[in-house]
Amino acid sequence: MFSSVAHLARANPFNAPHLQLVHDGLAGPRSCPSGPTAPPSRSRNLAAAAVEEYSCEFGSMKYYALCGFGGVLSCGLTHTAVVPLDLVKCRMQVDPQKYKGIFNGFSVTLKEDGVRGLAKGWAPTFIGYSLQGLCKFGFYEVFKVLYSNMLGEENTYLWRTSLYLAASASAEFFADIALAPMEATKVRIQTQPGYANTLRDAAPKMYKEEGLNAFYKGVAPLWMRQIPYTMMKFACFERTVEALYKFVVPKPRSECTKSEQLVVTFVAGYIAGVFCAIVSHPADSVVSVLNKEKGSTASQVLKRLGFKGVWKGLFARIIMIGTLTALQWFIYDSVKVYFRLPRPPPPEMPESLKKKLGLTQ
């Protein structure tokens, strides 16, 4: 599968070196039959220099592996960093009578468990979200190339938002299967006082009581929460970056320094994160309650919580997910910069489509 993806990626519209060369007028689908032409050796040298600035070829196995590694760092580190906020948010969702708000939740937790209590569930959080990040970002790049080649260059541009949505949804489907066992363990540790304090204690106990179902009974609600979240995260981010460079940043992306580009990445990530939190919060409330209780189903929990109940803890989640998403995109893009991976510029309308629409002579 990956070898065929690597082959397709060479001619893919998202191939950064190719896009940049076309934009600079140094490469294109066909050569001009008339008029003065530059010496072929100069064009070849420029093209070679453009490719050599990257550490690997777009769509290669190394490219996907390093993108997956970027996902591990971006998701694993950020989710672990906000474990205290996540713990309070989960407790507000499953016991709103005791934990009446975000500040009250922190106060009660500190009073009962001390400062160490705020770190409960850090191990399953780090392992689970590292695996999720590997699949989420790695497979997103794979599916984006696959679906783009199915659509072709012109349709890729015209339907790019749908492409982002489809690629991210496909990636998240597999990412949640990787995340589900650790997410279930984390919620059980955080929301059931006295059940277990560590991953080593909780996982065997859960398996003994409910078997594998204990770890995967929340996968469907996870899909309900994470797939809309990830679709919004990637599509909103991609289009926000495009809009920022078009309407806000006073110079083209190619003229921006790496640091300036990373600032744009962070801002676009935060904007996307706010929308992500709102879209996925009802399902997040269901997941938190479902993983705490034995024998309940998602529909039973949803019915019991009602419309008002599923929105408990939204403010805390907006703060958490907004910051989280911004940092994740910043770390992911920083990994690409550090390893000198191809980073495609915002998409531009293909010349062939401009001619069809009468935008060029």
Protein backbone atom coordinates (compact mmCIF):
# COMPACT_ATOMS: atom_id res chain seq x y z
CA MET A 1 0.00 0.00 0.00
CA PHE A 2 2.66 2.49 1.05
CA SER A 3 4.81 1.84 -2.02
CA SER A 4 1.88 2.65 -4.29
CA VAL A 5 1.16 5.79 -2.28
CA ALA A 6 4.78 6.89 -2.62
CA HIS A 7 4.57 6.38 -6.39
CA LEU A 8 1.35 8.41 -6.65
CA ALA A 9 2.76 11.19 -4.46
CA ARG A 10 5.41 12.14 -7.00
CA ALA A 11 2.80 13.71 -9.29
CA ASN A 12 0.46 14.81 -6.52
CA PRO A 13 -0.75 18.45 -6.40
CA PHE A 14 0.32 18.60 -2.74
CA ASN A 15 3.93 17.87 -3.66
CA ALA A 16 5.63 20.98 -2.30
CA PRO A 17 8.73 21.07 -4.54
CA HIS A 18 6.62 20.64 -7.67
CA LEU A 19 4.13 23.31 -6.60
CA GLN A 20 6.87 25.78 -5.80
CA LEU A 21 8.60 25.23 -9.14
CA VAL A 22 5.38 25.69 -11.08
CA HIS A 23 4.67 28.85 -9.09
CA ASP A 24 8.14 30.18 -9.93
CA GLY A 25 7.69 29.34 -13.61
CA LEU A 26 10.51 26.79 -13.57
CA ALA A 27 8.43 23.69 -14.22
CA GLY A 28 5.09 22.78 -15.64
CA PRO A 29 3.05 20.08 -17.30
CA ARG A 30 4.38 20.91 -20.77
CA SER A 31 7.08 23.07 -22.31
CA CYS A 32 6.35 26.10 -24.45
CA PRO A 33 6.90 25.31 -28.17
CA SER A 34 7.95 28.81 -29.12
CA GLY A 35 9.85 31.78 -27.70
CA PRO A 36 13.21 32.01 -25.99
CA THR A 37 13.97 29.36 -23.43
CA ALA A 38 16.47 29.25 -20.62
CA PRO A 39 19.35 26.82 -20.90
CA PRO A 40 18.07 23.40 -19.80
CA SER A 41 21.03 22.88 -17.48
CA ARG A 42 20.05 25.97 -15.45
CA SER A 43 16.46 24.74 -15.01
CA ARG A 44 17.71 21.33 -14.00
CA ASN A 45 20.11 22.82 -11.48
CA LEU A 46 17.39 25.00 -9.96
CA ALA A 47 15.00 22.05 -9.78
CA ALA A 48 17.68 19.90 -8.17
CA ALA A 49 18.42 22.62 -5.61
CA ALA A 50 14.73 22.92 -4.78
CA VAL A 51 14.47 19.18 -4.17
CA GLU A 52 17.73 18.97 -2.24
CA GLU A 53 16.58 21.44 0.40
CA TYR A 54 14.30 18.68 1.73
CA SER A 55 15.54 15.65 3.64
CA CYS A 56 13.23 13.24 1.81
CA GLU A 57 10.86 12.98 -1.11
CA PHE A 58 7.22 13.99 -0.65
CA GLY A 59 5.13 10.84 -0.12
CA SER A 60 8.08 8.57 0.65
CA MET A 61 8.07 6.10 3.53
CA LYS A 62 10.48 8.35 5.42
CA TYR A 63 8.13 11.30 4.90
CA TYR A 64 5.13 9.42 6.34
CA ALA A 65 7.20 7.98 9.20
CA LEU A 66 8.44 11.41 10.26
CA CYS A 67 4.92 12.85 9.96
CA GLY A 68 3.74 10.06 12.26
CA PHE A 69 6.56 10.88 14.69
CA GLY A 70 5.46 14.52 14.63
CA GLY A 71 1.98 13.31 15.52
CA VAL A 72 3.32 11.28 18.46
CA LEU A 73 5.04 14.35 19.90
CA SER A 74 2.24 16.80 19.18
CA CYS A 75 -0.57 14.71 20.69
CA GLY A 76 1.29 12.77 23.39
CA LEU A 77 3.05 15.76 24.95
CA THR A 78 0.17 18.24 24.77
CA HIS A 79 -2.52 15.93 26.15
CA THR A 80 -0.23 14.90 29.01
CA ALA A 81 0.51 18.56 29.79
CA VAL A 82 -3.19 19.34 30.31
CA VAL A 83 -4.04 16.24 32.39
CA PRO A 84 -5.05 18.37 35.45
CA LEU A 85 -7.56 20.35 33.37
CA ASP A 86 -8.80 17.16 31.68
CA LEU A 87 -9.26 15.48 35.06
CA VAL A 88 -11.42 18.34 36.39
CA LYS A 89 -13.40 18.46 33.14
CA CYS A 90 -14.15 14.71 33.32
CA ARG A 91 -15.23 14.96 36.97
CA MET A 92 -17.54 17.89 36.16
CA GLN A 93 -19.17 15.74 33.47
CA VAL A 94 -19.73 12.64 35.60
CA ASP A 95 -20.52 14.35 38.96
CA PRO A 96 -21.81 17.90 38.32
CA GLN A 97 -23.33 18.11 41.82
CA LYS A 98 -19.93 17.79 43.48
CA TYR A 99 -17.79 19.60 40.90
CA LYS A 100 -19.89 22.68 40.13
CA GLY A 101 -17.40 24.55 37.93
CA ILE A 102 -13.84 24.59 36.73
CA PHE A 103 -12.45 26.57 39.67
CA ASN A 104 -14.57 24.69 42.21
CA GLY A 105 -13.45 21.44 40.58
CA PHE A 106 -9.78 22.31 41.06
CA SER A 107 -10.44 23.38 44.66
CA VAL A 108 -12.27 20.16 45.58
CA THR A 109 -9.67 17.96 43.87
CA LEU A 110 -6.76 19.70 45.61
CA LYS A 111 -8.53 19.43 48.97
CA GLU A 112 -9.23 15.70 48.60
CA ASP A 113 -6.21 14.42 46.66
CA GLY A 114 -3.54 17.11 46.96
CA VAL A 115 -1.36 18.34 44.11
CA ARG A 116 -0.41 14.78 43.08
CA GLY A 117 -4.08 14.02 42.56
CA LEU A 118 -4.17 16.42 39.61
CA ALA A 119 -1.77 14.14 37.71
CA LYS A 120 -3.99 11.06 37.91
CA GLY A 121 -4.21 9.29 34.58
CA TRP A 122 -1.07 10.80 33.05
CA ALA A 123 0.40 7.45 31.93
CA PRO A 124 -2.60 6.17 29.90
CA THR A 125 -3.01 9.70 28.56
CA PHE A 126 0.56 9.83 27.25
CA ILE A 127 0.52 6.32 25.76
CA GLY A 128 -2.99 6.54 24.31
CA TYR A 129 -2.66 9.95 22.71
CA SER A 130 0.83 9.20 21.38
CA LEU A 131 -0.64 6.23 19.51
CA GLN A 132 -3.57 8.35 18.39
CA GLY A 133 -1.25 11.10 17.13
CA LEU A 134 0.82 8.59 15.18
CA CYS A 135 -2.27 7.39 13.30
CA LYS A 136 -4.04 10.75 13.10
CA PHE A 137 -1.25 12.77 11.48
CA GLY A 138 0.51 9.92 9.69
CA PHE A 139 -2.61 8.50 8.04
CA TYR A 140 -3.95 11.99 7.27
CA GLU A 141 -0.95 12.57 5.02
CA VAL A 142 -1.45 9.14 3.42
CA PHE A 143 -5.17 9.57 2.77
CA LYS A 144 -4.72 13.14 1.54
CA VAL A 145 -2.38 11.89 -1.18
CA LEU A 146 -4.60 8.91 -2.04
CA TYR A 147 -7.81 10.93 -2.32
CA SER A 148 -6.07 13.76 -4.16
CA ASN A 149 -4.85 11.39 -6.84
CA MET A 150 -8.34 9.92 -7.16
CA LEU A 151 -9.74 13.42 -7.75
CA GLY A 152 -7.03 14.81 -10.01
CA GLU A 153 -5.34 18.21 -9.85
CA GLU A 154 -8.31 20.41 -10.76
CA ASN A 155 -10.86 18.65 -8.56
CA THR A 156 -8.35 18.55 -5.71
CA TYR A 157 -8.32 22.35 -5.75
CA LEU A 158 -12.09 22.78 -6.25
CA TRP A 159 -13.01 20.17 -3.61
CA ARG A 160 -10.09 20.70 -1.23
CA THR A 161 -12.28 21.24 1.85
CA SER A 162 -14.08 17.95 1.19
CA LEU A 163 -10.70 16.33 0.65
CA TYR A 164 -9.46 17.56 4.05
CA LEU A 165 -12.66 16.31 5.71
CA ALA A 166 -12.50 12.87 4.08
CA ALA A 167 -8.77 12.34 4.73
CA SER A 168 -9.00 13.40 8.39
CA ALA A 169 -12.12 11.28 9.04
CA SER A 170 -10.43 8.22 7.54
CA ALA A 171 -7.30 8.76 9.63
CA GLU A 172 -9.24 9.32 12.85
CA PHE A 173 -11.20 6.08 12.40
CA PHE A 174 -7.97 4.12 12.91
CA ALA A 175 -6.56 6.56 15.45
CA ASP A 176 -9.49 5.99 17.82
CA ILE A 177 -9.08 2.23 17.72
CA ALA A 178 -5.52 2.80 18.95
CA LEU A 179 -6.67 5.31 21.59
CA ALA A 180 -9.74 3.52 23.03
CA PRO A 181 -8.08 1.17 25.59
CA MET A 182 -5.98 3.90 27.18
CA GLU A 183 -8.85 6.42 27.12
CA ALA A 184 -11.11 3.97 28.99
CA THR A 185 -8.38 3.33 31.57
CA LYS A 186 -7.68 7.05 32.01
CA VAL A 187 -11.33 7.93 32.62
CA ARG A 188 -11.74 5.06 35.12
CA ILE A 189 -8.70 6.27 37.12
CA GLN A 190 -9.79 9.92 37.05
CA THR A 191 -13.49 9.56 37.82
CA GLN A 192 -13.74 6.61 40.24
CA PRO A 193 -12.01 7.51 43.52
CA GLY A 194 -10.40 4.47 45.10
CA TYR A 195 -10.68 2.27 41.99
CA ALA A 196 -7.00 2.53 40.98
CA ASN A 197 -4.29 5.15 40.97
CA THR A 198 -2.01 3.86 38.22
CA LEU A 199 -2.22 2.23 34.79
CA ARG A 200 -0.62 -0.95 36.16
CA ASP A 201 -3.40 -1.27 38.74
CA ALA A 202 -6.34 -0.19 36.59
CA ALA A 203 -5.83 -2.13 33.34
CA PRO A 204 -5.64 -5.67 34.85
CA LYS A 205 -8.56 -4.90 37.15
CA MET A 206 -10.73 -3.69 34.26
CA TYR A 207 -9.84 -6.75 32.16
CA LYS A 208 -10.68 -9.09 35.03
CA GLU A 209 -14.08 -7.47 35.60
CA GLU A 210 -15.28 -6.92 32.01
CA GLY A 211 -12.78 -8.48 29.62
CA LEU A 212 -11.79 -6.67 26.42
CA ASN A 213 -15.18 -4.97 26.36
CA ALA A 214 -13.98 -2.69 29.17
CA PHE A 215 -11.42 -1.18 26.80
CA TYR A 216 -13.46 -1.00 23.60
CA LYS A 217 -17.03 -0.34 24.70
CA GLY A 218 -16.34 3.38 24.33
CA VAL A 219 -14.93 3.19 20.80
CA ALA A 220 -18.24 4.11 19.09
CA PRO A 221 -18.75 7.21 21.27
CA LEU A 222 -15.06 7.97 20.68
CA TRP A 223 -15.74 7.97 16.94
CA MET A 224 -18.75 10.23 17.60
CA ARG A 225 -16.49 12.64 19.49
CA GLN A 226 -13.19 12.41 17.68
CA ILE A 227 -14.16 12.09 14.02
CA PRO A 228 -16.16 15.37 13.92
CA TYR A 229 -13.44 16.93 16.08
CA THR A 230 -10.65 15.85 13.75
CA MET A 231 -12.56 16.78 10.60
CA MET A 232 -13.00 20.28 12.01
CA LYS A 233 -9.41 20.33 13.28
CA PHE A 234 -7.82 19.61 9.91
CA ALA A 235 -10.28 21.26 7.51
CA CYS A 236 -10.64 24.43 9.60
CA PHE A 237 -6.88 24.63 10.10
CA GLU A 238 -6.06 24.18 6.41
CA ARG A 239 -8.60 26.79 5.28
CA THR A 240 -7.67 29.22 8.10
CA VAL A 241 -4.00 29.07 7.10
CA GLU A 242 -5.03 29.75 3.52
CA ALA A 243 -7.17 32.73 4.61
CA LEU A 244 -4.48 34.17 6.91
CA TYR A 245 -1.88 34.23 4.15
CA LYS A 246 -4.42 35.68 1.73
CA PHE A 247 -6.03 38.38 3.87
CA VAL A 248 -3.92 38.96 7.02
CA VAL A 249 -0.23 38.25 6.48
CA PRO A 250 1.21 41.23 4.54
CA LYS A 251 3.56 39.14 2.39
CA PRO A 252 3.50 35.79 0.56
CA ARG A 253 4.32 32.65 2.53
CA SER A 254 7.46 32.13 0.44
CA GLU A 255 8.82 35.44 1.79
CA CYS A 256 8.01 34.65 5.43
CA THR A 257 10.69 33.27 7.73
CA LYS A 258 10.21 29.84 9.32
CA SER A 259 9.41 31.56 12.65
CA GLU A 260 6.72 33.73 11.02
CA GLN A 261 5.20 30.69 9.35
CA LEU A 262 5.05 28.88 12.71
CA VAL A 263 3.23 31.87 14.26
CA VAL A 264 0.61 31.60 11.51
CA THR A 265 0.39 27.87 12.26
CA PHE A 266 -0.23 28.53 15.97
CA VAL A 267 -2.95 31.17 15.34
CA ALA A 268 -4.74 28.97 12.80
CA GLY A 269 -4.50 26.03 15.20
CA TYR A 270 -6.14 27.96 18.05
CA ILE A 271 -9.00 29.14 15.84
CA ALA A 272 -9.57 25.57 14.66
CA GLY A 273 -9.41 24.31 18.27
CA VAL A 274 -12.29 26.48 19.47
CA PHE A 275 -14.57 25.07 16.77
CA CYS A 276 -13.32 21.55 17.50
CA ALA A 277 -14.27 21.81 21.17
CA ILE A 278 -17.83 22.94 20.43
CA VAL A 279 -18.49 20.33 17.73
CA SER A 280 -17.23 17.35 19.75
CA HIS A 281 -18.27 18.25 23.32
CA PRO A 282 -21.63 16.38 23.56
CA ALA A 283 -19.97 13.10 22.56
CA ASP A 284 -17.10 13.81 24.97
CA SER A 285 -19.59 14.04 27.84
CA VAL A 286 -21.10 10.69 26.84
CA VAL A 287 -17.65 9.04 26.67
CA SER A 288 -16.72 10.31 30.15
CA VAL A 289 -19.90 8.95 31.77
CA LEU A 290 -19.86 5.70 29.77
CA ASN A 291 -16.30 4.79 30.75
CA LYS A 292 -17.09 5.46 34.41
CA GLU A 293 -20.14 3.17 34.58
CA LYS A 294 -20.54 -0.55 34.05
CA GLY A 295 -23.25 -1.93 31.78
CA SER A 296 -24.47 1.39 30.36
CA THR A 297 -24.82 2.09 26.64
CA ALA A 298 -24.17 5.34 24.80
CA SER A 299 -27.87 5.88 24.05
CA GLN A 300 -28.83 5.34 27.72
CA VAL A 301 -26.21 7.84 28.89
CA LEU A 302 -27.23 10.39 26.26
CA LYS A 303 -30.90 10.10 27.25
CA ARG A 304 -30.11 10.48 30.95
CA LEU A 305 -27.84 13.51 30.49
CA GLY A 306 -30.28 15.40 28.27
CA PHE A 307 -29.47 18.47 26.18
CA LYS A 308 -28.25 20.58 29.09
CA GLY A 309 -26.17 17.81 30.64
CA VAL A 310 -24.06 17.10 27.54
CA TRP A 311 -22.81 20.72 27.52
CA LYS A 312 -21.44 20.61 31.09
CA GLY A 313 -17.75 21.50 31.18
CA LEU A 314 -17.77 23.21 27.76
CA PHE A 315 -15.84 26.30 28.91
CA ALA A 316 -13.05 24.16 30.38
CA ARG A 317 -12.92 22.12 27.20
CA ILE A 318 -12.72 25.21 24.95
CA ILE A 319 -9.71 26.43 26.94
CA MET A 320 -8.14 22.98 26.90
CA ILE A 321 -8.82 22.09 23.25
CA GLY A 322 -8.06 25.56 21.88
CA THR A 323 -4.64 25.59 23.53
CA LEU A 324 -4.11 21.92 22.78
CA THR A 325 -4.89 22.19 19.07
CA ALA A 326 -2.74 25.28 18.62
CA LEU A 327 0.22 23.61 20.34
CA GLN A 328 -0.29 20.38 18.40
CA TRP A 329 -0.15 22.12 15.04
CA PHE A 330 2.82 24.20 16.21
CA ILE A 331 4.76 21.10 17.33
CA TYR A 332 3.80 19.13 14.22
CA ASP A 333 4.90 21.93 11.89
CA SER A 334 8.08 22.45 13.94
CA VAL A 335 8.95 18.76 13.49
CA LYS A 336 8.52 19.20 9.73
CA VAL A 337 10.80 22.24 9.81
CA TYR A 338 13.42 20.49 11.97
CA PHE A 339 13.58 17.40 9.75
CA ARG A 340 13.35 19.52 6.57
CA LEU A 341 10.22 17.79 5.31
CA PRO A 342 8.27 19.16 2.33
CA ARG A 343 5.70 21.68 3.61
CA PRO A 344 3.24 22.52 0.82
CA PRO A 345 2.31 26.20 0.40
CA PRO A 346 -1.38 27.19 0.46
CA PRO A 347 -3.03 25.66 -2.64
CA GLU A 348 -3.33 27.77 -5.78
CA MET A 349 -5.67 27.32 -8.72
CA PRO A 350 -4.04 25.13 -11.41
CA GLU A 351 -3.21 26.87 -14.69
CA SER A 352 -5.42 24.44 -16.61
CA LEU A 353 -8.42 25.43 -14.47
CA LYS A 354 -7.64 29.14 -14.90
CA LYS A 355 -7.75 28.66 -18.69
CA LYS A 356 -11.07 26.79 -18.50
CA LEU A 357 -12.54 29.61 -16.39
CA GLY A 358 -11.14 32.27 -18.72
CA LEU A 359 -8.90 33.78 -16.02
CA THR A 360 -5.79 33.64 -18.22
CA GLN A 361 -5.20 34.28 -21.90
